[in-house]
Amino acid sequence: MSGPSVLIADDEPLARRRLARLLDKLAWVRHIEEAADVEETLRRADEMRPDILLLDIQMPGGSGFDVLERLRQPPPVVIFVTAFDHHALRAFEANALDYLTKPVEPGRFRSALERARATVESRRTADRITELQETIAALKRALGERTRNARDFWVKVRDDHVRVAQESILRFQAEGDYVRIHVAGAQYLYQDSLSALERRLPAEEFMRIHRSHIVRRDAVLRIRPAPFAALMITLRDGTEIRVGRTYTAAVRSQLNHKPVDAP
């Protein structure tokens, strides 16, 4: 039997590239394709009929659940690639075909894919459909749990995972493939893009002031003019950040209730 084919469904290009690099290290993977939203995922799945689907939960045009419910039968072996925290994962751990948490660890990835490969080769269609239906129900319950905890960020510190409450975060700073989360007296690396975080964060609480910075609105203590008609923002922890030129007008408009100090 030739090796299985894999479809990667994730709206973040960086996440897709990471998964593709991990798949490239598995000599038995026959073919890899990618999709960035629900409709493209369904279209690619119909065209290529993948053996394995690496599926994100939150996607443009719907969710991973919508993809699962609309897949043609028999469905592929599904591995969820999620940002669910570990508490939410417990809600569906017993029923999920498998799952990977972001950031994906290479050893865990290989284990999940080897399991999926064995399942592709041995599972009967009826079993696959039944498991998929159970997984959809379990993940919906888990999503409800995640919604209640959606304001939390889980960050890896050595071998532990630490919960960072959104209310405690002063700012986010882009740092390569990661984002550095700043809270009073501490900072953590979080694997995501600043643009993805901007879509997730409530606009009434956070604002983008630079291509590399998102700040909490109520943490802004001072706004003063800077050279070349720019602005400088001071946060309550004393951090000063220059507002990016393309964000200056928006910041002036959004913070027009705050006085801008004279030079």
C-alpha atoms as a PDB file:
ATOM      1  CA  MET A   1       0.000   0.000   0.000  1.00  0.00           C
ATOM      2  CA  SER A   2       1.349   3.463  -0.886  1.00  0.00           C
ATOM      3  CA  GLY A   3       1.743   5.997   1.903  1.00  0.00           C
ATOM      4  CA  PRO A   4      -1.193   8.104   3.062  1.00  0.00           C
ATOM      5  CA  SER A   5      -1.938  11.613   1.855  1.00  0.00           C
ATOM      6  CA  VAL A   6      -2.363  14.508   4.290  1.00  0.00           C
ATOM      7  CA  LEU A   7      -4.389  17.734   4.116  1.00  0.00           C
ATOM      8  CA  ILE A   8      -3.362  20.586   6.462  1.00  0.00           C
ATOM      9  CA  ALA A   9      -6.249  22.936   7.315  1.00  0.00           C
ATOM     10  CA  ASP A  10      -5.195  26.048   9.240  1.00  0.00           C
ATOM     11  CA  ASP A  11      -5.742  29.744   8.549  1.00  0.00           C
ATOM     12  CA  GLU A  12      -2.243  30.735   9.723  1.00  0.00           C
ATOM     13  CA  PRO A  13       0.459  30.325   7.009  1.00  0.00           C
ATOM     14  CA  LEU A  14       3.158  29.987   9.667  1.00  0.00           C
ATOM     15  CA  ALA A  15       1.284  27.130  11.355  1.00  0.00           C
ATOM     16  CA  ARG A  16       0.821  25.357   8.005  1.00  0.00           C
ATOM     17  CA  ARG A  17       4.518  25.686   7.205  1.00  0.00           C
ATOM     18  CA  ARG A  18       5.485  24.204  10.573  1.00  0.00           C
ATOM     19  CA  LEU A  19       3.207  21.214  10.080  1.00  0.00           C
ATOM     20  CA  ALA A  20       4.422  20.723   6.511  1.00  0.00           C
ATOM     21  CA  ARG A  21       8.046  20.689   7.697  1.00  0.00           C
ATOM     22  CA  LEU A  22       7.198  18.043  10.283  1.00  0.00           C
ATOM     23  CA  LEU A  23       5.387  15.965   7.653  1.00  0.00           C
ATOM     24  CA  ASP A  24       8.389  16.214   5.313  1.00  0.00           C
ATOM     25  CA  LYS A  25      10.389  14.293   7.916  1.00  0.00           C
ATOM     26  CA  LEU A  26       8.019  11.305   7.652  1.00  0.00           C
ATOM     27  CA  ALA A  27       9.235   9.302   4.675  1.00  0.00           C
ATOM     28  CA  TRP A  28       5.963   7.398   4.385  1.00  0.00           C
ATOM     29  CA  VAL A  29       3.775  10.457   3.731  1.00  0.00           C
ATOM     30  CA  ARG A  30       2.837  10.319   0.064  1.00  0.00           C
ATOM     31  CA  HIS A  31       1.266  13.699  -0.647  1.00  0.00           C
ATOM     32  CA  ILE A  32       0.642  16.967   1.271  1.00  0.00           C
ATOM     33  CA  GLU A  33      -1.799  19.761   0.474  1.00  0.00           C
ATOM     34  CA  GLU A  34      -2.945  22.841   2.414  1.00  0.00           C
ATOM     35  CA  ALA A  35      -6.145  24.828   2.971  1.00  0.00           C
ATOM     36  CA  ALA A  36      -6.747  28.105   4.813  1.00  0.00           C
ATOM     37  CA  ASP A  37     -10.498  28.231   5.486  1.00  0.00           C
ATOM     38  CA  VAL A  38     -13.588  26.053   5.742  1.00  0.00           C
ATOM     39  CA  GLU A  39     -14.673  26.188   2.108  1.00  0.00           C
ATOM     40  CA  GLU A  40     -11.170  25.615   0.749  1.00  0.00           C
ATOM     41  CA  THR A  41     -10.731  22.693   3.140  1.00  0.00           C
ATOM     42  CA  LEU A  42     -13.938  21.062   1.941  1.00  0.00           C
ATOM     43  CA  ARG A  43     -13.013  21.664  -1.699  1.00  0.00           C
ATOM     44  CA  ARG A  44      -9.513  20.225  -1.301  1.00  0.00           C
ATOM     45  CA  ALA A  45     -10.887  17.286   0.679  1.00  0.00           C
ATOM     46  CA  ASP A  46     -13.335  16.490  -2.122  1.00  0.00           C
ATOM     47  CA  GLU A  47     -10.608  16.739  -4.758  1.00  0.00           C
ATOM     48  CA  MET A  48      -7.807  14.789  -3.088  1.00  0.00           C
ATOM     49  CA  ARG A  49      -9.747  12.571  -0.642  1.00  0.00           C
ATOM     50  CA  PRO A  50      -6.949  12.745   1.955  1.00  0.00           C
ATOM     51  CA  ASP A  51      -6.250   9.827   4.232  1.00  0.00           C
ATOM     52  CA  ILE A  52      -5.364  12.146   7.132  1.00  0.00           C
ATOM     53  CA  LEU A  53      -6.702  15.627   7.918  1.00  0.00           C
ATOM     54  CA  LEU A  54      -4.786  17.959  10.261  1.00  0.00           C
ATOM     55  CA  LEU A  55      -7.578  20.310  11.298  1.00  0.00           C
ATOM     56  CA  ASP A  56      -7.592  23.575  13.231  1.00  0.00           C
ATOM     57  CA  ILE A  57     -10.746  24.472  15.183  1.00  0.00           C
ATOM     58  CA  GLN A  58     -11.107  28.221  14.625  1.00  0.00           C
ATOM     59  CA  MET A  59     -11.080  28.986  10.901  1.00  0.00           C
ATOM     60  CA  PRO A  60     -12.445  31.661   8.569  1.00  0.00           C
ATOM     61  CA  GLY A  61     -15.871  30.806   7.196  1.00  0.00           C
ATOM     62  CA  GLY A  62     -16.915  28.674  10.161  1.00  0.00           C
ATOM     63  CA  SER A  63     -15.065  26.204  12.336  1.00  0.00           C
ATOM     64  CA  GLY A  64     -13.407  22.818  12.244  1.00  0.00           C
ATOM     65  CA  PHE A  65     -16.738  21.408  13.398  1.00  0.00           C
ATOM     66  CA  ASP A  66     -18.376  22.658  10.197  1.00  0.00           C
ATOM     67  CA  VAL A  67     -15.706  20.886   8.173  1.00  0.00           C
ATOM     68  CA  LEU A  68     -16.256  17.610  10.009  1.00  0.00           C
ATOM     69  CA  GLU A  69     -20.017  17.689   9.582  1.00  0.00           C
ATOM     70  CA  ARG A  70     -19.773  18.373   5.841  1.00  0.00           C
ATOM     71  CA  LEU A  71     -17.003  15.959   4.866  1.00  0.00           C
ATOM     72  CA  ARG A  72     -17.880  13.334   2.293  1.00  0.00           C
ATOM     73  CA  GLN A  73     -18.081   9.766   3.533  1.00  0.00           C
ATOM     74  CA  PRO A  74     -15.969   7.937   4.400  1.00  0.00           C
ATOM     75  CA  PRO A  75     -14.160  10.732   6.251  1.00  0.00           C
ATOM     76  CA  PRO A  76     -10.378  10.901   6.636  1.00  0.00           C
ATOM     77  CA  VAL A  77      -8.595  10.197   9.891  1.00  0.00           C
ATOM     78  CA  VAL A  78      -8.784  13.522  11.722  1.00  0.00           C
ATOM     79  CA  ILE A  79      -6.097  14.923  14.020  1.00  0.00           C
ATOM     80  CA  PHE A  80      -7.066  18.184  15.645  1.00  0.00           C
ATOM     81  CA  VAL A  81      -4.381  20.843  15.917  1.00  0.00           C
ATOM     82  CA  THR A  82      -5.760  23.116  18.598  1.00  0.00           C
ATOM     83  CA  ALA A  83      -4.986  25.937  20.992  1.00  0.00           C
ATOM     84  CA  PHE A  84      -7.289  24.345  23.607  1.00  0.00           C
ATOM     85  CA  ASP A  85      -5.840  24.592  27.074  1.00  0.00           C
ATOM     86  CA  HIS A  86      -5.149  21.372  28.924  1.00  0.00           C
ATOM     87  CA  HIS A  87      -8.261  21.622  31.081  1.00  0.00           C
ATOM     88  CA  ALA A  88     -10.505  21.819  28.033  1.00  0.00           C
ATOM     89  CA  LEU A  89      -8.638  18.959  26.387  1.00  0.00           C
ATOM     90  CA  ARG A  90      -9.642  16.637  29.210  1.00  0.00           C
ATOM     91  CA  ALA A  91     -13.271  17.064  28.163  1.00  0.00           C
ATOM     92  CA  PHE A  92     -12.729  15.202  24.903  1.00  0.00           C
ATOM     93  CA  GLU A  93      -9.505  13.319  25.417  1.00  0.00           C
ATOM     94  CA  ALA A  94     -11.236   9.938  25.686  1.00  0.00           C
ATOM     95  CA  ASN A  95     -13.175  10.340  22.426  1.00  0.00           C
ATOM     96  CA  ALA A  96     -10.911  12.316  20.112  1.00  0.00           C
ATOM     97  CA  LEU A  97      -9.177  10.444  17.309  1.00  0.00           C
ATOM     98  CA  ASP A  98      -6.129  12.421  18.368  1.00  0.00           C
ATOM     99  CA  TYR A  99      -5.122  15.999  18.992  1.00  0.00           C
ATOM    100  CA  LEU A 100      -2.019  18.169  18.953  1.00  0.00           C
ATOM    101  CA  THR A 101      -1.687  21.334  20.988  1.00  0.00           C
ATOM    102  CA  LYS A 102       0.069  24.408  19.663  1.00  0.00           C
ATOM    103  CA  PRO A 103       3.026  24.755  19.746  1.00  0.00           C
ATOM    104  CA  VAL A 104       3.303  21.264  18.270  1.00  0.00           C
ATOM    105  CA  GLU A 105       6.113  19.150  19.696  1.00  0.00           C
ATOM    106  CA  PRO A 106       7.919  17.000  17.069  1.00  0.00           C
ATOM    107  CA  GLY A 107       7.863  13.827  19.162  1.00  0.00           C
ATOM    108  CA  ARG A 108       4.163  14.159  19.908  1.00  0.00           C
ATOM    109  CA  PHE A 109       3.517  14.915  16.225  1.00  0.00           C
ATOM    110  CA  ARG A 110       5.316  11.777  15.050  1.00  0.00           C
ATOM    111  CA  SER A 111       3.400   9.662  17.551  1.00  0.00           C
ATOM    112  CA  ALA A 112       0.049  11.055  16.442  1.00  0.00           C
ATOM    113  CA  LEU A 113       0.852  10.579  12.759  1.00  0.00           C
ATOM    114  CA  GLU A 114       2.057   7.021  13.270  1.00  0.00           C
ATOM    115  CA  ARG A 115      -1.201   6.267  15.034  1.00  0.00           C
ATOM    116  CA  ALA A 116      -3.145   7.867  12.189  1.00  0.00           C
ATOM    117  CA  ARG A 117      -1.164   5.860   9.636  1.00  0.00           C
ATOM    118  CA  ALA A 118      -2.042   2.617  11.399  1.00  0.00           C
ATOM    119  CA  THR A 119      -5.673   3.672  11.572  1.00  0.00           C
ATOM    120  CA  VAL A 120      -5.766   4.442   7.851  1.00  0.00           C
ATOM    121  CA  GLU A 121      -4.518   0.953   7.101  1.00  0.00           C
ATOM    122  CA  SER A 122      -6.823  -0.933   9.433  1.00  0.00           C
ATOM    123  CA  ARG A 123      -9.985   0.903  10.416  1.00  0.00           C
ATOM    124  CA  ARG A 124     -13.318  -0.046   8.948  1.00  0.00           C
ATOM    125  CA  THR A 125     -15.419   2.783   7.457  1.00  0.00           C
ATOM    126  CA  ALA A 126     -18.278   2.304   9.934  1.00  0.00           C
ATOM    127  CA  ASP A 127     -15.881   2.604  12.841  1.00  0.00           C
ATOM    128  CA  ARG A 128     -14.406   5.775  11.417  1.00  0.00           C
ATOM    129  CA  ILE A 129     -17.807   7.448  11.006  1.00  0.00           C
ATOM    130  CA  THR A 130     -18.868   6.499  14.542  1.00  0.00           C
ATOM    131  CA  GLU A 131     -15.637   7.856  16.039  1.00  0.00           C
ATOM    132  CA  LEU A 132     -15.950  11.049  14.040  1.00  0.00           C
ATOM    133  CA  GLN A 133     -19.494  11.654  15.312  1.00  0.00           C
ATOM    134  CA  GLU A 134     -18.373  11.051  18.896  1.00  0.00           C
ATOM    135  CA  THR A 135     -15.449  13.398  18.415  1.00  0.00           C
ATOM    136  CA  ILE A 136     -17.646  16.200  17.067  1.00  0.00           C
ATOM    137  CA  ALA A 137     -19.928  15.978  20.104  1.00  0.00           C
ATOM    138  CA  ALA A 138     -17.012  15.867  22.540  1.00  0.00           C
ATOM    139  CA  LEU A 139     -15.200  18.785  20.917  1.00  0.00           C
ATOM    140  CA  LYS A 140     -18.335  20.910  20.975  1.00  0.00           C
ATOM    141  CA  ARG A 141     -18.503  20.342  24.722  1.00  0.00           C
ATOM    142  CA  ALA A 142     -14.834  21.250  24.958  1.00  0.00           C
ATOM    143  CA  LEU A 143     -15.401  24.400  22.912  1.00  0.00           C
ATOM    144  CA  GLY A 144     -18.012  25.496  25.407  1.00  0.00           C
ATOM    145  CA  GLU A 145     -15.417  25.113  28.150  1.00  0.00           C
ATOM    146  CA  ARG A 146     -12.892  27.060  26.097  1.00  0.00           C
ATOM    147  CA  THR A 147     -15.393  29.845  25.475  1.00  0.00           C
ATOM    148  CA  ARG A 148     -15.764  30.284  29.222  1.00  0.00           C
ATOM    149  CA  ASN A 149     -11.973  30.482  29.536  1.00  0.00           C
ATOM    150  CA  ALA A 150     -11.312  32.313  26.263  1.00  0.00           C
ATOM    151  CA  ARG A 151      -9.649  35.219  28.053  1.00  0.00           C
ATOM    152  CA  ASP A 152      -6.879  32.982  29.358  1.00  0.00           C
ATOM    153  CA  PHE A 153      -3.526  32.333  27.695  1.00  0.00           C
ATOM    154  CA  TRP A 154      -1.674  29.099  28.418  1.00  0.00           C
ATOM    155  CA  VAL A 155       2.089  29.512  28.086  1.00  0.00           C
ATOM    156  CA  LYS A 156       4.807  26.917  28.415  1.00  0.00           C
ATOM    157  CA  VAL A 157       7.396  27.576  31.127  1.00  0.00           C
ATOM    158  CA  ARG A 158      10.017  24.815  31.088  1.00  0.00           C
ATOM    159  CA  ASP A 159       7.962  21.616  31.446  1.00  0.00           C
ATOM    160  CA  ASP A 160       4.871  23.302  32.895  1.00  0.00           C
ATOM    161  CA  HIS A 161       1.952  25.225  31.417  1.00  0.00           C
ATOM    162  CA  VAL A 162       1.030  28.478  33.177  1.00  0.00           C
ATOM    163  CA  ARG A 163      -2.306  30.268  32.883  1.00  0.00           C
ATOM    164  CA  VAL A 164      -2.014  34.011  32.167  1.00  0.00           C
ATOM    165  CA  ALA A 165      -5.270  35.908  32.649  1.00  0.00           C
ATOM    166  CA  GLN A 166      -5.995  38.334  29.836  1.00  0.00           C
ATOM    167  CA  GLU A 167      -6.914  41.014  32.381  1.00  0.00           C
ATOM    168  CA  SER A 168      -3.333  40.982  33.699  1.00  0.00           C
ATOM    169  CA  ILE A 169      -1.667  41.574  30.319  1.00  0.00           C
ATOM    170  CA  LEU A 170      -0.226  45.025  29.661  1.00  0.00           C
ATOM    171  CA  ARG A 171       1.058  44.473  26.132  1.00  0.00           C
ATOM    172  CA  PHE A 172       2.031  42.003  23.427  1.00  0.00           C
ATOM    173  CA  GLN A 173       5.275  42.299  21.482  1.00  0.00           C
ATOM    174  CA  ALA A 174       6.133  40.432  18.279  1.00  0.00           C
ATOM    175  CA  GLU A 175       9.329  38.414  18.575  1.00  0.00           C
ATOM    176  CA  GLY A 176      10.180  36.272  15.559  1.00  0.00           C
ATOM    177  CA  ASP A 177       7.742  33.371  15.315  1.00  0.00           C
ATOM    178  CA  TYR A 178       6.457  34.157  18.823  1.00  0.00           C
ATOM    179  CA  VAL A 179       4.718  36.903  20.762  1.00  0.00           C
ATOM    180  CA  ARG A 180       6.099  38.092  24.097  1.00  0.00           C
ATOM    181  CA  ILE A 181       3.350  38.630  26.650  1.00  0.00           C
ATOM    182  CA  HIS A 182       4.127  41.326  29.232  1.00  0.00           C
ATOM    183  CA  VAL A 183       2.422  41.409  32.625  1.00  0.00           C
ATOM    184  CA  ALA A 184       3.437  43.295  35.758  1.00  0.00           C
ATOM    185  CA  GLY A 185       6.789  41.884  36.828  1.00  0.00           C
ATOM    186  CA  ALA A 186       6.901  39.006  34.315  1.00  0.00           C
ATOM    187  CA  GLN A 187       6.918  38.118  30.629  1.00  0.00           C
ATOM    188  CA  TYR A 188       6.217  34.947  28.663  1.00  0.00           C
ATOM    189  CA  LEU A 189       6.735  33.672  25.130  1.00  0.00           C
ATOM    190  CA  TYR A 190       3.578  32.558  23.321  1.00  0.00           C
ATOM    191  CA  GLN A 191       3.629  30.828  19.943  1.00  0.00           C
ATOM    192  CA  ASP A 192       1.321  32.811  17.699  1.00  0.00           C
ATOM    193  CA  SER A 193       1.451  35.765  15.352  1.00  0.00           C
ATOM    194  CA  LEU A 194       0.587  39.297  16.449  1.00  0.00           C
ATOM    195  CA  SER A 195      -1.987  39.547  13.656  1.00  0.00           C
ATOM    196  CA  ALA A 196      -3.762  36.408  14.846  1.00  0.00           C
ATOM    197  CA  LEU A 197      -3.817  37.758  18.395  1.00  0.00           C
ATOM    198  CA  GLU A 198      -5.199  41.080  17.173  1.00  0.00           C
ATOM    199  CA  ARG A 199      -8.202  39.229  15.696  1.00  0.00           C
ATOM    200  CA  ARG A 200      -8.728  37.339  18.953  1.00  0.00           C
ATOM    201  CA  LEU A 201      -8.414  40.237  21.391  1.00  0.00           C
ATOM    202  CA  PRO A 202     -11.419  42.479  22.205  1.00  0.00           C
ATOM    203  CA  ALA A 203     -10.981  45.820  20.426  1.00  0.00           C
ATOM    204  CA  GLU A 204     -12.508  47.685  23.359  1.00  0.00           C
ATOM    205  CA  GLU A 205      -9.617  46.504  25.578  1.00  0.00           C
ATOM    206  CA  PHE A 206      -6.576  46.331  23.286  1.00  0.00           C
ATOM    207  CA  MET A 207      -5.256  48.292  20.324  1.00  0.00           C
ATOM    208  CA  ARG A 208      -2.478  47.858  17.788  1.00  0.00           C
ATOM    209  CA  ILE A 209      -0.055  50.786  17.928  1.00  0.00           C
ATOM    210  CA  HIS A 210       2.832  49.388  15.905  1.00  0.00           C
ATOM    211  CA  ARG A 211       3.561  46.474  13.586  1.00  0.00           C
ATOM    212  CA  SER A 212       5.249  44.866  16.608  1.00  0.00           C
ATOM    213  CA  HIS A 213       3.087  46.050  19.513  1.00  0.00           C
ATOM    214  CA  ILE A 214      -0.447  45.677  20.892  1.00  0.00           C
ATOM    215  CA  VAL A 215      -1.186  47.462  24.177  1.00  0.00           C
ATOM    216  CA  ARG A 216      -3.960  47.420  26.748  1.00  0.00           C
ATOM    217  CA  ARG A 217      -5.971  50.614  26.454  1.00  0.00           C
ATOM    218  CA  ASP A 218      -6.380  51.256  30.171  1.00  0.00           C
ATOM    219  CA  ALA A 219      -2.646  50.718  30.708  1.00  0.00           C
ATOM    220  CA  VAL A 220      -1.844  53.863  28.705  1.00  0.00           C
ATOM    221  CA  LEU A 221      -0.874  56.677  31.094  1.00  0.00           C
ATOM    222  CA  ARG A 222       0.603  59.240  28.752  1.00  0.00           C
ATOM    223  CA  ILE A 223       0.755  60.132  25.075  1.00  0.00           C
ATOM    224  CA  ARG A 224       3.278  62.712  23.979  1.00  0.00           C
ATOM    225  CA  PRO A 225       4.491  64.032  20.647  1.00  0.00           C
ATOM    226  CA  ALA A 226       7.647  62.539  19.179  1.00  0.00           C
ATOM    227  CA  PRO A 227       9.843  63.779  16.316  1.00  0.00           C
ATOM    228  CA  PHE A 228       8.453  63.784  12.768  1.00  0.00           C
ATOM    229  CA  ALA A 229       4.804  64.110  13.908  1.00  0.00           C
ATOM    230  CA  ALA A 230       4.902  60.748  15.648  1.00  0.00           C
ATOM    231  CA  LEU A 231       3.526  59.811  19.066  1.00  0.00           C
ATOM    232  CA  MET A 232       5.122  58.158  22.084  1.00  0.00           C
ATOM    233  CA  ILE A 233       2.974  56.114  24.472  1.00  0.00           C
ATOM    234  CA  THR A 234       3.886  55.492  28.121  1.00  0.00           C
ATOM    235  CA  LEU A 235       2.309  52.525  29.909  1.00  0.00           C
ATOM    236  CA  ARG A 236       1.651  52.259  33.631  1.00  0.00           C
ATOM    237  CA  ASP A 237       4.723  50.044  34.122  1.00  0.00           C
ATOM    238  CA  GLY A 238       6.909  52.815  32.683  1.00  0.00           C
ATOM    239  CA  THR A 239       7.405  51.246  29.251  1.00  0.00           C
ATOM    240  CA  GLU A 240       7.608  53.756  26.401  1.00  0.00           C
ATOM    241  CA  ILE A 241       6.638  52.676  22.887  1.00  0.00           C
ATOM    242  CA  ARG A 242       6.758  54.765  19.742  1.00  0.00           C
ATOM    243  CA  VAL A 243       3.528  54.575  17.754  1.00  0.00           C
ATOM    244  CA  GLY A 244       4.095  53.273  14.242  1.00  0.00           C
ATOM    245  CA  ARG A 245       3.603  55.853  11.510  1.00  0.00           C
ATOM    246  CA  THR A 246       0.751  53.948   9.873  1.00  0.00           C
ATOM    247  CA  TYR A 247      -1.029  53.641  13.251  1.00  0.00           C
ATOM    248  CA  THR A 248      -0.676  57.269  14.395  1.00  0.00           C
ATOM    249  CA  ALA A 249      -3.980  58.558  13.020  1.00  0.00           C
ATOM    250  CA  ALA A 250      -5.911  55.599  14.380  1.00  0.00           C
ATOM    251  CA  VAL A 251      -4.328  55.966  17.820  1.00  0.00           C
ATOM    252  CA  ARG A 252      -5.159  59.692  17.902  1.00  0.00           C
ATOM    253  CA  SER A 253      -8.749  58.892  16.982  1.00  0.00           C
ATOM    254  CA  GLN A 254      -9.181  55.983  19.393  1.00  0.00           C
ATOM    255  CA  LEU A 255      -7.624  57.818  22.318  1.00  0.00           C
ATOM    256  CA  ASN A 256      -9.088  61.244  21.683  1.00  0.00           C
ATOM    257  CA  HIS A 257     -10.531  61.226  25.190  1.00  0.00           C
ATOM    258  CA  LYS A 258      -6.961  61.180  26.571  1.00  0.00           C
ATOM    259  CA  PRO A 259      -4.996  64.454  26.507  1.00  0.00           C
ATOM    260  CA  VAL A 260      -1.800  64.451  24.499  1.00  0.00           C
ATOM    261  CA  ASP A 261       0.942  66.123  26.558  1.00  0.00           C
ATOM    262  CA  ALA A 262       2.563  69.209  25.159  1.00  0.00           C
ATOM    263  CA  PRO A 263       6.192  68.925  24.081  1.00  0.00           C
END
